[in-house]
Every structure is written in C-alpha cells, then in structure tokens.
Amino acid sequence: MSDGRLSVFKTYKLYVGGKFPRSESGRVYEVTDSKGKWLANAPQSSRKDARDAVVAARKAFGGWSGATAYNRGQILYRVAEMLEGRREQFVREVADAEGLSKSKAAAVVDAAVDRWVWYAGWTDKIGQVVGGANPVAGPFFNLSTPEPTGVVAVLAPQESSFLGLVSVVAPVIATGNTAVVIASAEAPLPALSLGEVLATSDLPGGVVNILSGRTAELAAPLASHQDVNAIDLTGADAALAKELEIAAADNLKRVSRPQAVDGDDWSADPGTHRLTAFLETKTVWHPTGALGASGSSY
C-alpha cells in the first residue's frame, strides 16, 4: 500500500574543484541498468568541463603535493571511513551498474574500501621503496627522492565502475598528484557518488575531479592539454588509446598504457606499480665537507 509520498530521485552532478556543478553544456544522458531499466540522468560533460577540471586540479596541486605523506595517508583513510558509512548506498548502486547480485556487489564495495586503506598505508612508505642514498665516488651525499608528476588525466575502467575506478584513482593521489577522472561511460553513477564521499573526507577541493559523459569526447582535449602532465589510458579501447598517446606526445606527457587485468578481477593484490607510474625521481648532490686525516667526515 502506498503511503502517498512522492519518490525523491537522486540528482547526479559532476565533481569539479570541490563543488558539484551540472555540465556546462546543460546536457544529460540516460543511464540504465543491465536490463535496460532507467536509473538516472547523468551529466554529459563537455570539453569546457574538462578544461575547468584541469584548472581546478592545477590549482590544488601545490597544496596537495606539499602536504606531508602522512597527512595524505590520513585523508585517504578518512575516505575509507566515509565510504564504509555509506556502504548500503554503494552496494545498491554497484549492483545496478554492473548487474551483480547484492552479495557480489557488497564484496566489490568492501574491496574498494580496503583498497583505500591499502593506498593510505603506502603514502609514507613508497619513498623508501623507490628512493634512497646512492653510492658515488667522491665526498658527496647523493640522494634520490620520488616526486609527483603533476595533473593526471585518468580514464577509469569501463566495466569495473567502482572498484576499478578506486584502483586507478587512489594511487594517483596517494603520491601527491591531482586527478581529472573520466568515469565509466555506461555506468557513471558510483563514480559520481564517490565525489560526495570525497567532498566530506578532508580531501582538498580540486585534488580529484570527476566527469561523466562520452569517454572519447572528454579524453581528446585532456590528452592534448598543455597543462596535463600525465594520462592513464586504462578505460580506453585500443584505437582510442593509440590516438590519445599520439596527442599526449605533444607536451611529453607520461603515459600509462591500458594493462590487462586478469579476468577483469580488480580485487587482486594491486602491488605498487600504479603508485610508481606517475612519480618522477629527483636526485640531489650535496658535499660532505673536507675529509680529515683519518678519512672521516661528519
């Protein structure tokens, strides 16, 4: 029996610069579940939205890259906390988006929460893995340390709309980069809801910007954008990836090519390769001072 209430449908918006704008173009497109049932109207981002997202990501880069690795880890862990608190919502959205049973969708959401915790733990440790002191012939300290690349455009996986998304976004920001993310074209709703979680997780506005719409339409201006430093092509098919890689060469972007995920199983141990994909190595020489008669210094 109906209680006479009107249904309150969720309005999905983009997440750009810490705010929730509609697409600049005013366009939307219908999102349906695996059986063709209407779920929502998602914003269809324009090239202008993509450029606005890059501006927001660049503005946020200085503060985010300058934060301590420990602080970034705290914030990533906070994302996991907030996501855990909205678990039921995401289970429902992932089940609808990917045509999964409630139990399988719950496993996906739990894995996504765990993935945030995994990368939160790595923020202040990856420097010890890929950096260090180098032995040199001479009275010098020679130290190599990893530094973030800058603004990274991320094409999220098309099939794994949530766990895959988290798996490509979390390592980018864990190492101090900022991100412009193109969500799965057919299943963008979990990604757009993630923006609401990020907004309440102490993550500075602009560190992650989430766009929905046609992947190729949005990726083209990002690949050729002079203020984008790197691009992750995970969500691109072979033809689009080749086209974007050529465009990215114009300003020598760092490019991460699409990598096969075993059986599309994003729950496997992620390792550290995505953490190091968008890091640069800075090497510093420093004199140790004059050596004494005994050959020692300091």
Foldseek 3Di string as FASTA:
>chain_A
DDPPDDDDADDFAWAAQLDGDAAPVPDWDFAFFPVRHTRYTYHAHALVLLVRLLVSQQVCQVVLQPDALLVLLQLLLLLLVLLVVVLVVQLVLQCRHQVHDSVVSSVLSVLLSVLSNVLSVCLNPVQVVPWAWDDDPAQKTKTKGKGFQEEEEEEFAQNNQGLSRSLQLNLNSSRRYAYEYEGRANRNVSVSVSSVSSSPRPNRGSSYTYHYHDPLRNLQCQLQPLSHQAYECQHPDPVSQVVSVVNNPPNDHQYHYHDDDVVPPSSPDSPCPSNCSGIDMDMDMDGQDDADPVRDGD
